[in-house]
Structure formats: C-alpha cells, structure tokens
C-alpha cells in the first residue's frame, strides 16, 4: 500500500512544508483578506495531502475567524 507521502515527490513535500510555514505566519498576522486566503491555502494543502479531517477543521476555523 502506498501512503500519500510516498505518492508525492520529496521535493514537492519540501515546497509544501515551506508554503505551510509562510501561510501559517500570514494567517496569524493578518485579520483581513490576506489572512483568510492564507488560512484557505493551509486547508488546501492539507486536503492535497489527504489530511481531510485537518482540512475540514481549518475551513471551519476560516469561517469562524474571518466571516
């Protein structure tokens, strides 16, 4: 059985990890559209990595914090 981490090339995982760090900073520092978009992108990354529960949690946090 292949896990999602094995299906994604290592260089892509490294880029996603870097992107997650940057989006986390932006989401934490901004209460406007930029913060909301960063939170959405964090959820998108989790979804792409098949972390569906975490992606769902981030979307609900987005709705509660930025709505």
Protein backbone atom coordinates (compact mmCIF):
# COMPACT_ATOMS: atom_id res chain seq x y z
CA UNK A 1 0.00 0.00 0.00
CA UNK A 2 1.35 3.44 -0.95
CA UNK A 3 0.79 6.25 1.52
CA UNK A 4 0.13 9.80 0.36
CA UNK A 5 3.63 10.85 1.44
CA UNK A 6 5.10 8.20 -0.86
CA UNK A 7 2.94 9.30 -3.76
CA UNK A 8 4.12 12.92 -3.54
CA UNK A 9 7.72 13.52 -4.66
CA UNK A 10 10.06 14.62 -1.83
CA UNK A 11 10.87 17.96 -3.47
CA UNK A 12 7.17 18.78 -3.65
CA UNK A 13 6.72 17.87 0.02
CA UNK A 14 9.57 20.23 0.92
CA UNK A 15 7.92 23.05 -1.03
CA UNK A 16 4.57 22.34 0.63
CA UNK A 17 6.20 22.40 4.07
CA UNK A 18 7.78 25.77 3.29
CA UNK A 19 4.49 27.09 1.92
CA UNK A 20 2.62 25.90 5.04
CA UNK A 21 5.04 27.82 7.27
CA UNK A 22 4.56 31.00 5.26
CA UNK A 23 0.77 30.66 5.13
CA UNK A 24 0.68 29.99 8.89
CA UNK A 25 2.58 33.23 9.51
CA UNK A 26 0.32 35.23 7.20
CA UNK A 27 -2.86 33.77 8.70
CA UNK A 28 -1.68 34.54 12.24
CA UNK A 29 -0.60 38.10 11.47
CA UNK A 30 -3.50 39.25 9.33
CA UNK A 31 -7.21 39.59 10.06
CA UNK A 32 -8.10 40.69 6.55
CA UNK A 33 -8.41 39.07 3.13
CA UNK A 34 -4.74 38.04 3.14
CA UNK A 35 -5.21 36.12 6.38
CA UNK A 36 -8.35 34.44 5.09
CA UNK A 37 -6.66 33.40 1.85
CA UNK A 38 -3.69 32.06 3.79
CA UNK A 39 -6.00 30.01 6.00
CA UNK A 40 -7.75 28.67 2.90
CA UNK A 41 -4.42 27.68 1.35
CA UNK A 42 -3.45 25.85 4.55
CA UNK A 43 -6.68 23.86 4.25
CA UNK A 44 -6.00 23.22 0.56
CA UNK A 45 -2.52 21.84 1.32
CA UNK A 46 -3.94 19.54 3.99
CA UNK A 47 -6.59 18.34 1.53
CA UNK A 48 -3.98 17.66 -1.17
CA UNK A 49 -2.02 15.62 1.36
CA UNK A 50 -5.20 13.65 2.13
CA UNK A 51 -5.43 15.04 5.69
CA UNK A 52 -9.16 15.55 5.26
CA UNK A 53 -10.05 16.00 8.93
CA UNK A 54 -7.39 18.70 9.37
CA UNK A 55 -8.51 20.38 6.14
CA UNK A 56 -12.10 20.44 7.38
CA UNK A 57 -11.02 21.87 10.74
CA UNK A 58 -9.08 24.65 9.03
CA UNK A 59 -12.07 25.55 6.83
CA UNK A 60 -14.34 25.81 9.87
CA UNK A 61 -11.74 27.97 11.61
CA UNK A 62 -11.65 30.13 8.50
CA UNK A 63 -15.41 30.55 8.56
CA UNK A 64 -15.46 31.36 12.28
CA UNK A 65 -12.50 33.73 12.33
CA UNK A 66 -12.79 35.61 9.05
CA UNK A 67 -16.55 35.73 8.41
